[in-house]
């Protein structure tokens, strides 16, 4: 399974962005996908996850109420809608997938840069 992320940009505080993660390969083997982010000098952290079949979502406390993960199974694409962005959201955002729970995420995208200016 491979991913192509897009949608990263520079945005002002309070703005919105939508990231996309287009997948190719055997998606029927995927249990869940997730968005992760890594800011300079910080460890990578989970933003949220979505089950590929049922669409159940889970979010980090820091983004609850602001970010929404969705997926389009027909397009093999996962999305991250980000609203009310602030400079603390500045990071490289990665999409990832795993074959089962609670296994580690095995497949990773190359990342897309999101910069929120104050």
C-alpha atoms as a PDB file:
ATOM      1  CA  UNK A   1       0.000   0.000   0.000  1.00  0.00           C
ATOM      2  CA  UNK A   2       1.333   3.437  -0.942  1.00  0.00           C
ATOM      3  CA  UNK A   3       0.082   6.926  -0.214  1.00  0.00           C
ATOM      4  CA  UNK A   4       0.214  10.337  -1.851  1.00  0.00           C
ATOM      5  CA  UNK A   5      -0.513  13.203   0.517  1.00  0.00           C
ATOM      6  CA  UNK A   6      -1.492  16.649  -0.612  1.00  0.00           C
ATOM      7  CA  UNK A   7      -3.025  19.868   0.635  1.00  0.00           C
ATOM      8  CA  UNK A   8      -0.285  21.210   2.866  1.00  0.00           C
ATOM      9  CA  UNK A   9       0.149  24.975   2.730  1.00  0.00           C
ATOM     10  CA  UNK A  10       0.853  28.135   4.671  1.00  0.00           C
ATOM     11  CA  UNK A  11      -2.291  29.479   6.353  1.00  0.00           C
ATOM     12  CA  UNK A  12      -3.017  32.211   8.856  1.00  0.00           C
ATOM     13  CA  UNK A  13      -4.162  31.609  12.408  1.00  0.00           C
ATOM     14  CA  UNK A  14      -7.854  30.805  12.431  1.00  0.00           C
ATOM     15  CA  UNK A  15      -7.798  29.481   8.908  1.00  0.00           C
ATOM     16  CA  UNK A  16      -8.691  26.077   7.482  1.00  0.00           C
ATOM     17  CA  UNK A  17      -7.038  23.444   5.340  1.00  0.00           C
ATOM     18  CA  UNK A  18      -8.003  20.048   4.015  1.00  0.00           C
ATOM     19  CA  UNK A  19      -5.349  17.400   3.577  1.00  0.00           C
ATOM     20  CA  UNK A  20      -5.827  14.400   1.324  1.00  0.00           C
ATOM     21  CA  UNK A  21      -4.185  10.994   1.400  1.00  0.00           C
ATOM     22  CA  UNK A  22      -4.723   8.994  -1.768  1.00  0.00           C
ATOM     23  CA  UNK A  23      -3.948   5.296  -1.379  1.00  0.00           C
ATOM     24  CA  UNK A  24      -2.986   2.687  -3.925  1.00  0.00           C
ATOM     25  CA  UNK A  25      -2.598  -1.022  -3.424  1.00  0.00           C
ATOM     26  CA  UNK A  26      -4.520  -3.661  -1.524  1.00  0.00           C
ATOM     27  CA  UNK A  27      -6.813  -1.491   0.589  1.00  0.00           C
ATOM     28  CA  UNK A  28      -8.988  -4.478   1.451  1.00  0.00           C
ATOM     29  CA  UNK A  29      -6.222  -5.526   3.826  1.00  0.00           C
ATOM     30  CA  UNK A  30      -6.370  -2.253   5.730  1.00  0.00           C
ATOM     31  CA  UNK A  31      -8.104  -2.088   9.104  1.00  0.00           C
ATOM     32  CA  UNK A  32      -7.589   1.575   9.928  1.00  0.00           C
ATOM     33  CA  UNK A  33      -5.799   4.694   8.778  1.00  0.00           C
ATOM     34  CA  UNK A  34      -4.520   7.645  10.698  1.00  0.00           C
ATOM     35  CA  UNK A  35      -3.068  11.102  10.519  1.00  0.00           C
ATOM     36  CA  UNK A  36       0.092  11.895  12.443  1.00  0.00           C
ATOM     37  CA  UNK A  37       2.159  15.038  12.721  1.00  0.00           C
ATOM     38  CA  UNK A  38       5.668  15.993  13.702  1.00  0.00           C
ATOM     39  CA  UNK A  39       6.693  19.516  14.596  1.00  0.00           C
ATOM     40  CA  UNK A  40      10.343  20.626  14.560  1.00  0.00           C
ATOM     41  CA  UNK A  41      12.170  19.319  17.601  1.00  0.00           C
ATOM     42  CA  UNK A  42       9.197  17.278  18.769  1.00  0.00           C
ATOM     43  CA  UNK A  43       8.217  13.644  18.612  1.00  0.00           C
ATOM     44  CA  UNK A  44       5.656  12.455  16.136  1.00  0.00           C
ATOM     45  CA  UNK A  45       2.152  12.412  17.580  1.00  0.00           C
ATOM     46  CA  UNK A  46      -1.147  10.960  16.545  1.00  0.00           C
ATOM     47  CA  UNK A  47      -3.785  13.381  15.307  1.00  0.00           C
ATOM     48  CA  UNK A  48      -6.538  10.835  14.841  1.00  0.00           C
ATOM     49  CA  UNK A  49      -7.596   7.581  13.254  1.00  0.00           C
ATOM     50  CA  UNK A  50     -10.450   6.169  11.221  1.00  0.00           C
ATOM     51  CA  UNK A  51     -11.450   2.585  10.590  1.00  0.00           C
ATOM     52  CA  UNK A  52     -11.449   1.919   6.878  1.00  0.00           C
ATOM     53  CA  UNK A  53     -14.579  -0.216   6.879  1.00  0.00           C
ATOM     54  CA  UNK A  54     -16.884   1.372   9.442  1.00  0.00           C
ATOM     55  CA  UNK A  55     -15.562   4.901   9.473  1.00  0.00           C
ATOM     56  CA  UNK A  56     -15.252   5.145  13.258  1.00  0.00           C
ATOM     57  CA  UNK A  57     -12.991   7.982  14.295  1.00  0.00           C
ATOM     58  CA  UNK A  58     -10.833   8.884  17.257  1.00  0.00           C
ATOM     59  CA  UNK A  59      -8.956  12.136  17.878  1.00  0.00           C
ATOM     60  CA  UNK A  60      -6.209  13.559  20.007  1.00  0.00           C
ATOM     61  CA  UNK A  61      -7.498  15.930  22.670  1.00  0.00           C
ATOM     62  CA  UNK A  62      -5.528  18.780  21.122  1.00  0.00           C
ATOM     63  CA  UNK A  63      -7.562  18.668  17.897  1.00  0.00           C
ATOM     64  CA  UNK A  64     -11.002  17.517  19.061  1.00  0.00           C
ATOM     65  CA  UNK A  65     -13.714  19.822  17.794  1.00  0.00           C
ATOM     66  CA  UNK A  66     -11.365  21.418  15.242  1.00  0.00           C
ATOM     67  CA  UNK A  67     -10.203  18.547  13.024  1.00  0.00           C
ATOM     68  CA  UNK A  68     -12.314  15.967  11.213  1.00  0.00           C
ATOM     69  CA  UNK A  69     -11.105  12.766   9.557  1.00  0.00           C
ATOM     70  CA  UNK A  70     -13.159  11.200   6.805  1.00  0.00           C
ATOM     71  CA  UNK A  71     -12.634   8.719   4.012  1.00  0.00           C
ATOM     72  CA  UNK A  72     -14.008   7.913   0.601  1.00  0.00           C
ATOM     73  CA  UNK A  73     -13.675   4.187   0.048  1.00  0.00           C
ATOM     74  CA  UNK A  74     -14.546   4.491  -3.628  1.00  0.00           C
ATOM     75  CA  UNK A  75     -11.637   6.861  -4.170  1.00  0.00           C
ATOM     76  CA  UNK A  76      -9.318   5.104  -1.683  1.00  0.00           C
ATOM     77  CA  UNK A  77      -8.740   8.500  -0.112  1.00  0.00           C
ATOM     78  CA  UNK A  78      -8.645   9.748   3.457  1.00  0.00           C
ATOM     79  CA  UNK A  79      -9.092  13.391   4.369  1.00  0.00           C
ATOM     80  CA  UNK A  80      -8.192  15.642   7.260  1.00  0.00           C
ATOM     81  CA  UNK A  81     -10.295  18.775   7.534  1.00  0.00           C
ATOM     82  CA  UNK A  82      -8.549  21.244   9.825  1.00  0.00           C
ATOM     83  CA  UNK A  83     -10.366  24.299  11.139  1.00  0.00           C
ATOM     84  CA  UNK A  84      -9.436  27.034  13.606  1.00  0.00           C
ATOM     85  CA  UNK A  85      -5.757  26.425  12.981  1.00  0.00           C
ATOM     86  CA  UNK A  86      -3.180  27.902  15.311  1.00  0.00           C
ATOM     87  CA  UNK A  87       0.642  28.063  15.209  1.00  0.00           C
ATOM     88  CA  UNK A  88       0.868  24.959  17.439  1.00  0.00           C
ATOM     89  CA  UNK A  89      -0.603  22.978  14.534  1.00  0.00           C
ATOM     90  CA  UNK A  90       2.468  23.718  12.418  1.00  0.00           C
ATOM     91  CA  UNK A  91       4.045  20.381  11.504  1.00  0.00           C
ATOM     92  CA  UNK A  92       4.646  17.844   8.806  1.00  0.00           C
ATOM     93  CA  UNK A  93       1.490  15.762   8.549  1.00  0.00           C
ATOM     94  CA  UNK A  94       1.676  12.094   7.617  1.00  0.00           C
ATOM     95  CA  UNK A  95      -0.962   9.554   6.769  1.00  0.00           C
ATOM     96  CA  UNK A  96      -0.509   5.927   7.730  1.00  0.00           C
ATOM     97  CA  UNK A  97      -2.332   2.621   7.725  1.00  0.00           C
ATOM     98  CA  UNK A  98      -2.337  -0.656   9.583  1.00  0.00           C
ATOM     99  CA  UNK A  99      -3.687  -4.070   8.809  1.00  0.00           C
ATOM    100  CA  UNK A 100      -5.200  -4.810  12.209  1.00  0.00           C
ATOM    101  CA  UNK A 101      -5.718  -3.364  15.665  1.00  0.00           C
ATOM    102  CA  UNK A 102      -3.762  -2.832  17.825  1.00  0.00           C
ATOM    103  CA  UNK A 103      -0.847  -3.413  15.477  1.00  0.00           C
ATOM    104  CA  UNK A 104       1.604  -0.638  14.684  1.00  0.00           C
ATOM    105  CA  UNK A 105       0.964   1.502  11.633  1.00  0.00           C
ATOM    106  CA  UNK A 106       2.903  -0.211   8.882  1.00  0.00           C
ATOM    107  CA  UNK A 107       2.406   1.936   5.804  1.00  0.00           C
ATOM    108  CA  UNK A 108       3.370   5.617   5.746  1.00  0.00           C
ATOM    109  CA  UNK A 109       3.106   8.525   3.359  1.00  0.00           C
ATOM    110  CA  UNK A 110       5.880  10.997   2.637  1.00  0.00           C
ATOM    111  CA  UNK A 111       4.308  13.849   4.574  1.00  0.00           C
ATOM    112  CA  UNK A 112       2.982  17.281   3.719  1.00  0.00           C
ATOM    113  CA  UNK A 113       3.967  20.536   5.405  1.00  0.00           C
ATOM    114  CA  UNK A 114       1.377  22.640   7.203  1.00  0.00           C
ATOM    115  CA  UNK A 115       2.516  26.026   8.456  1.00  0.00           C
ATOM    116  CA  UNK A 116       0.228  28.283  10.476  1.00  0.00           C
ATOM    117  CA  UNK A 117       1.394  31.867  10.689  1.00  0.00           C
ATOM    118  CA  UNK A 118       0.465  34.138  13.584  1.00  0.00           C
END
